[in-house]
Amino acid sequence: MPRMSKKRKQEWSFFLNDRNRITYNPLCRKCTHECKQSFRAVVIECPHYCSKHSKTGRSTAVST
């Protein structure tokens, strides 16, 4: 398995865990998009993430 160069390690330092492996946020792990965030960051809003419990994005029909 190839090692990371010093330059690449510095570029990815925000994503590296204590074992020097690139680690993403739990919400981003299974995401197929390239907007992945670090495990250190707190995700406030992701344009591609849609929770099953969120009410935004769903159409609600009001019967009168």
PDB file of N, CA and C in Angstrom:
ATOM      1  N   MET A   1       0.843  -1.174   0.000  1.00  0.00           N
ATOM      2  CA  MET A   1       0.000   0.000   0.000  1.00  0.00           C
ATOM      3  C   MET A   1       0.893   1.244   0.000  1.00  0.00           C
ATOM      4  N   PRO A   2       0.720   2.163  -0.958  1.00  0.00           N
ATOM      5  CA  PRO A   2       1.582   3.336  -1.027  1.00  0.00           C
ATOM      6  C   PRO A   2       1.307   4.314   0.120  1.00  0.00           C
ATOM      7  N   ARG A   3       2.349   4.974   0.559  1.00  0.00           N
ATOM      8  CA  ARG A   3       2.216   5.964   1.616  1.00  0.00           C
ATOM      9  C   ARG A   3       1.935   7.322   1.021  1.00  0.00           C
ATOM     10  N   MET A   4       1.421   8.213   1.857  1.00  0.00           N
ATOM     11  CA  MET A   4       1.160   9.575   1.406  1.00  0.00           C
ATOM     12  C   MET A   4       2.451  10.377   1.457  1.00  0.00           C
ATOM     13  N   SER A   5       2.630  11.216   0.468  1.00  0.00           N
ATOM     14  CA  SER A   5       3.791  12.099   0.478  1.00  0.00           C
ATOM     15  C   SER A   5       3.567  13.193   1.523  1.00  0.00           C
ATOM     16  N   LYS A   6       4.613  13.890   1.867  1.00  0.00           N
ATOM     17  CA  LYS A   6       4.519  14.936   2.876  1.00  0.00           C
ATOM     18  C   LYS A   6       3.571  16.049   2.425  1.00  0.00           C
ATOM     19  N   LYS A   7       3.628  16.396   1.153  1.00  0.00           N
ATOM     20  CA  LYS A   7       2.775  17.448   0.610  1.00  0.00           C
ATOM     21  C   LYS A   7       1.309  17.034   0.665  1.00  0.00           C
ATOM     22  N   ARG A   8       1.019  15.806   0.274  1.00  0.00           N
ATOM     23  CA  ARG A   8      -0.364  15.329   0.289  1.00  0.00           C
ATOM     24  C   ARG A   8      -0.895  15.215   1.723  1.00  0.00           C
ATOM     25  N   LYS A   9      -0.037  14.820   2.649  1.00  0.00           N
ATOM     26  CA  LYS A   9      -0.423  14.716   4.053  1.00  0.00           C
ATOM     27  C   LYS A   9      -0.817  16.082   4.603  1.00  0.00           C
ATOM     28  N   GLN A  10      -0.077  17.117   4.207  1.00  0.00           N
ATOM     29  CA  GLN A  10      -0.406  18.472   4.648  1.00  0.00           C
ATOM     30  C   GLN A  10      -1.717  18.941   4.047  1.00  0.00           C
ATOM     31  N   GLU A  11      -1.980  18.594   2.788  1.00  0.00           N
ATOM     32  CA  GLU A  11      -3.225  18.981   2.142  1.00  0.00           C
ATOM     33  C   GLU A  11      -4.429  18.308   2.803  1.00  0.00           C
ATOM     34  N   TRP A  12      -4.281  17.054   3.180  1.00  0.00           N
ATOM     35  CA  TRP A  12      -5.382  16.267   3.738  1.00  0.00           C
ATOM     36  C   TRP A  12      -5.388  16.227   5.266  1.00  0.00           C
ATOM     37  N   SER A  13      -4.596  17.051   5.939  1.00  0.00           N
ATOM     38  CA  SER A  13      -4.435  16.955   7.393  1.00  0.00           C
ATOM     39  C   SER A  13      -5.750  17.115   8.145  1.00  0.00           C
ATOM     40  N   PHE A  14      -6.702  17.859   7.611  1.00  0.00           N
ATOM     41  CA  PHE A  14      -8.005  18.045   8.268  1.00  0.00           C
ATOM     42  C   PHE A  14      -8.841  16.761   8.209  1.00  0.00           C
ATOM     43  N   PHE A  15      -8.577  15.884   7.240  1.00  0.00           N
ATOM     44  CA  PHE A  15      -9.334  14.650   7.061  1.00  0.00           C
ATOM     45  C   PHE A  15      -8.671  13.437   7.714  1.00  0.00           C
ATOM     46  N   LEU A  16      -7.404  13.557   8.120  1.00  0.00           N
ATOM     47  CA  LEU A  16      -6.678  12.403   8.652  1.00  0.00           C
ATOM     48  C   LEU A  16      -7.018  12.154  10.118  1.00  0.00           C
ATOM     49  N   ASN A  17      -7.247  10.893  10.457  1.00  0.00           N
ATOM     50  CA  ASN A  17      -7.506  10.537  11.848  1.00  0.00           C
ATOM     51  C   ASN A  17      -6.193  10.182  12.540  1.00  0.00           C
ATOM     52  N   ASP A  18      -6.267   9.646  13.741  1.00  0.00           N
ATOM     53  CA  ASP A  18      -5.059   9.340  14.500  1.00  0.00           C
ATOM     54  C   ASP A  18      -4.224   8.224  13.874  1.00  0.00           C
ATOM     55  N   ARG A  19      -4.820   7.442  12.976  1.00  0.00           N
ATOM     56  CA  ARG A  19      -4.093   6.367  12.285  1.00  0.00           C
ATOM     57  C   ARG A  19      -3.647   6.788  10.890  1.00  0.00           C
ATOM     58  N   ASN A  20      -3.707   8.092  10.608  1.00  0.00           N
ATOM     59  CA  ASN A  20      -3.324   8.673   9.316  1.00  0.00           C
ATOM     60  C   ASN A  20      -4.130   8.108   8.153  1.00  0.00           C
ATOM     61  N   ARG A  21      -5.395   7.899   8.387  1.00  0.00           N
ATOM     62  CA  ARG A  21      -6.306   7.466   7.327  1.00  0.00           C
ATOM     63  C   ARG A  21      -7.326   8.564   7.077  1.00  0.00           C
ATOM     64  N   ILE A  22      -7.714   8.744   5.820  1.00  0.00           N
ATOM     65  CA  ILE A  22      -8.709   9.761   5.477  1.00  0.00           C
ATOM     66  C   ILE A  22     -10.063   9.314   6.000  1.00  0.00           C
ATOM     67  N   THR A  23     -10.697  10.184   6.800  1.00  0.00           N
ATOM     68  CA  THR A  23     -11.966   9.858   7.433  1.00  0.00           C
ATOM     69  C   THR A  23     -12.962  10.977   7.146  1.00  0.00           C
ATOM     70  N   TYR A  24     -14.166  10.594   6.717  1.00  0.00           N
ATOM     71  CA  TYR A  24     -15.206  11.555   6.403  1.00  0.00           C
ATOM     72  C   TYR A  24     -16.258  11.582   7.495  1.00  0.00           C
ATOM     73  N   ASN A  25     -17.123  12.574   7.446  1.00  0.00           N
ATOM     74  CA  ASN A  25     -18.241  12.704   8.370  1.00  0.00           C
ATOM     75  C   ASN A  25     -19.191  11.525   8.174  1.00  0.00           C
ATOM     76  N   PRO A  26     -19.845  11.037   9.234  1.00  0.00           N
ATOM     77  CA  PRO A  26     -20.761   9.893   9.089  1.00  0.00           C
ATOM     78  C   PRO A  26     -21.867  10.115   8.051  1.00  0.00           C
ATOM     79  N   LEU A  27     -22.337  11.349   7.898  1.00  0.00           N
ATOM     80  CA  LEU A  27     -23.369  11.633   6.890  1.00  0.00           C
ATOM     81  C   LEU A  27     -22.810  11.527   5.473  1.00  0.00           C
ATOM     82  N   CYS A  28     -21.514  11.751   5.324  1.00  0.00           N
ATOM     83  CA  CYS A  28     -20.887  11.792   4.002  1.00  0.00           C
ATOM     84  C   CYS A  28     -20.271  10.458   3.579  1.00  0.00           C
ATOM     85  N   ARG A  29     -20.197   9.501   4.447  1.00  0.00           N
ATOM     86  CA  ARG A  29     -19.495   8.252   4.126  1.00  0.00           C
ATOM     87  C   ARG A  29     -20.101   7.517   2.944  1.00  0.00           C
ATOM     88  N   LYS A  30     -21.411   7.385   2.898  1.00  0.00           N
ATOM     89  CA  LYS A  30     -22.056   6.630   1.824  1.00  0.00           C
ATOM     90  C   LYS A  30     -22.507   7.523   0.674  1.00  0.00           C
ATOM     91  N   CYS A  31     -22.263   8.802   0.778  1.00  0.00           N
ATOM     92  CA  CYS A  31     -22.673   9.757  -0.253  1.00  0.00           C
ATOM     93  C   CYS A  31     -21.787   9.592  -1.491  1.00  0.00           C
ATOM     94  N   THR A  32     -22.399   9.664  -2.659  1.00  0.00           N
ATOM     95  CA  THR A  32     -21.649   9.485  -3.902  1.00  0.00           C
ATOM     96  C   THR A  32     -21.114  10.798  -4.462  1.00  0.00           C
ATOM     97  N   HIS A  33     -21.517  11.911  -3.894  1.00  0.00           N
ATOM     98  CA  HIS A  33     -21.097  13.220  -4.396  1.00  0.00           C
ATOM     99  C   HIS A  33     -19.710  13.577  -3.875  1.00  0.00           C
ATOM    100  N   GLU A  34     -19.072  14.553  -4.515  1.00  0.00           N
ATOM    101  CA  GLU A  34     -17.702  14.927  -4.184  1.00  0.00           C
ATOM    102  C   GLU A  34     -17.606  15.984  -3.090  1.00  0.00           C
ATOM    103  N   CYS A  35     -18.710  16.369  -2.498  1.00  0.00           N
ATOM    104  CA  CYS A  35     -18.699  17.435  -1.490  1.00  0.00           C
ATOM    105  C   CYS A  35     -18.500  16.879  -0.081  1.00  0.00           C
ATOM    106  N   LYS A  36     -17.731  15.828   0.070  1.00  0.00           N
ATOM    107  CA  LYS A  36     -17.544  15.180   1.369  1.00  0.00           C
ATOM    108  C   LYS A  36     -16.841  16.108   2.357  1.00  0.00           C
ATOM    109  N   GLN A  37     -17.259  16.001   3.624  1.00  0.00           N
ATOM    110  CA  GLN A  37     -16.699  16.842   4.677  1.00  0.00           C
ATOM    111  C   GLN A  37     -15.930  15.988   5.673  1.00  0.00           C
ATOM    112  N   SER A  38     -15.034  16.618   6.388  1.00  0.00           N
ATOM    113  CA  SER A  38     -14.189  15.926   7.358  1.00  0.00           C
ATOM    114  C   SER A  38     -14.995  15.468   8.570  1.00  0.00           C
ATOM    115  N   PHE A  39     -14.490  14.465   9.248  1.00  0.00           N
ATOM    116  CA  PHE A  39     -15.124  13.993  10.470  1.00  0.00           C
ATOM    117  C   PHE A  39     -14.999  15.032  11.578  1.00  0.00           C
ATOM    118  N   ARG A  40     -14.087  15.976  11.431  1.00  0.00           N
ATOM    119  CA  ARG A  40     -13.906  17.033  12.422  1.00  0.00           C
ATOM    120  C   ARG A  40     -14.945  18.135  12.282  1.00  0.00           C
ATOM    121  N   ALA A  41     -15.536  18.287  11.114  1.00  0.00           N
ATOM    122  CA  ALA A  41     -16.483  19.365  10.850  1.00  0.00           C
ATOM    123  C   ALA A  41     -17.883  18.998  11.324  1.00  0.00           C
ATOM    124  N   VAL A  42     -18.630  20.024  11.728  1.00  0.00           N
ATOM    125  CA  VAL A  42     -20.027  19.847  12.086  1.00  0.00           C
ATOM    126  C   VAL A  42     -20.840  20.228  10.853  1.00  0.00           C
ATOM    127  N   VAL A  43     -21.626  19.288  10.350  1.00  0.00           N
ATOM    128  CA  VAL A  43     -22.402  19.536   9.138  1.00  0.00           C
ATOM    129  C   VAL A  43     -23.629  20.354   9.510  1.00  0.00           C
ATOM    130  N   ILE A  44     -23.712  21.548   8.961  1.00  0.00           N
ATOM    131  CA  ILE A  44     -24.872  22.397   9.205  1.00  0.00           C
ATOM    132  C   ILE A  44     -25.912  22.166   8.121  1.00  0.00           C
ATOM    133  N   GLU A  45     -25.453  22.143   6.882  1.00  0.00           N
ATOM    134  CA  GLU A  45     -26.363  21.919   5.774  1.00  0.00           C
ATOM    135  C   GLU A  45     -25.605  21.273   4.621  1.00  0.00           C
ATOM    136  N   CYS A  46     -26.185  20.252   4.057  1.00  0.00           N
ATOM    137  CA  CYS A  46     -25.608  19.585   2.896  1.00  0.00           C
ATOM    138  C   CYS A  46     -26.669  19.609   1.794  1.00  0.00           C
ATOM    139  N   PRO A  47     -26.346  20.122   0.620  1.00  0.00           N
ATOM    140  CA  PRO A  47     -27.349  20.219  -0.439  1.00  0.00           C
ATOM    141  C   PRO A  47     -27.828  18.868  -0.967  1.00  0.00           C
ATOM    142  N   HIS A  48     -27.077  17.819  -0.760  1.00  0.00           N
ATOM    143  CA  HIS A  48     -27.435  16.512  -1.301  1.00  0.00           C
ATOM    144  C   HIS A  48     -28.060  15.583  -0.271  1.00  0.00           C
ATOM    145  N   TYR A  49     -28.028  15.973   1.020  1.00  0.00           N
ATOM    146  CA  TYR A  49     -28.539  15.102   2.079  1.00  0.00           C
ATOM    147  C   TYR A  49     -30.015  15.387   2.309  1.00  0.00           C
ATOM    148  N   CYS A  50     -30.827  14.345   2.331  1.00  0.00           N
ATOM    149  CA  CYS A  50     -32.253  14.484   2.598  1.00  0.00           C
ATOM    150  C   CYS A  50     -32.620  13.450   3.662  1.00  0.00           C
ATOM    151  N   SER A  51     -32.920  13.928   4.852  1.00  0.00           N
ATOM    152  CA  SER A  51     -33.274  13.046   5.954  1.00  0.00           C
ATOM    153  C   SER A  51     -34.682  12.508   5.768  1.00  0.00           C
ATOM    154  N   LYS A  52     -34.930  11.326   6.277  1.00  0.00           N
ATOM    155  CA  LYS A  52     -36.267  10.743   6.201  1.00  0.00           C
ATOM    156  C   LYS A  52     -37.239  11.499   7.093  1.00  0.00           C
ATOM    157  N   HIS A  53     -36.723  12.184   8.100  1.00  0.00           N
ATOM    158  CA  HIS A  53     -37.567  12.881   9.058  1.00  0.00           C
ATOM    159  C   HIS A  53     -37.775  14.345   8.717  1.00  0.00           C
ATOM    160  N   SER A  54     -37.099  14.868   7.712  1.00  0.00           N
ATOM    161  CA  SER A  54     -37.240  16.283   7.385  1.00  0.00           C
ATOM    162  C   SER A  54     -38.551  16.527   6.655  1.00  0.00           C
ATOM    163  N   LYS A  55     -39.099  17.700   6.884  1.00  0.00           N
ATOM    164  CA  LYS A  55     -40.369  18.055   6.252  1.00  0.00           C
ATOM    165  C   LYS A  55     -40.148  18.930   5.022  1.00  0.00           C
ATOM    166  N   THR A  56     -38.959  19.445   4.830  1.00  0.00           N
ATOM    167  CA  THR A  56     -38.686  20.280   3.674  1.00  0.00           C
ATOM    168  C   THR A  56     -38.518  19.410   2.437  1.00  0.00           C
ATOM    169  N   GLY A  57     -38.978  19.905   1.324  1.00  0.00           N
ATOM    170  CA  GLY A  57     -38.831  19.156   0.090  1.00  0.00           C
ATOM    171  C   GLY A  57     -40.022  18.257  -0.213  1.00  0.00           C
ATOM    172  N   ARG A  58     -40.840  18.018   0.776  1.00  0.00           N
ATOM    173  CA  ARG A  58     -42.023  17.196   0.544  1.00  0.00           C
ATOM    174  C   ARG A  58     -43.206  18.095   0.230  1.00  0.00           C
ATOM    175  N   SER A  59     -44.038  17.659  -0.658  1.00  0.00           N
ATOM    176  CA  SER A  59     -45.238  18.432  -0.963  1.00  0.00           C
ATOM    177  C   SER A  59     -46.348  18.009  -0.012  1.00  0.00           C
ATOM    178  N   THR A  60     -46.979  18.997   0.620  1.00  0.00           N
ATOM    179  CA  THR A  60     -48.064  18.703   1.563  1.00  0.00           C
ATOM    180  C   THR A  60     -49.368  19.191   0.950  1.00  0.00           C
ATOM    181  N   ALA A  61     -50.294  18.299   0.853  1.00  0.00           N
ATOM    182  CA  ALA A  61     -51.593  18.655   0.280  1.00  0.00           C
ATOM    183  C   ALA A  61     -52.538  19.043   1.411  1.00  0.00           C
ATOM    184  N   VAL A  62     -53.155  20.195   1.261  1.00  0.00           N
ATOM    185  CA  VAL A  62     -54.096  20.675   2.271  1.00  0.00           C
ATOM    186  C   VAL A  62     -55.485  20.520   1.697  1.00  0.00           C
ATOM    187  N   SER A  63     -56.300  19.726   2.358  1.00  0.00           N
ATOM    188  CA  SER A  63     -57.678  19.524   1.877  1.00  0.00           C
ATOM    189  C   SER A  63     -58.614  20.440   2.661  1.00  0.00           C
ATOM    190  N   THR A  64     -59.484  21.148   1.899  1.00  0.00           N
ATOM    191  CA  THR A  64     -60.449  22.041   2.542  1.00  0.00           C
ATOM    192  C   THR A  64     -61.840  21.708   2.127  1.00  0.00           C
TER     193      THR A  64
END
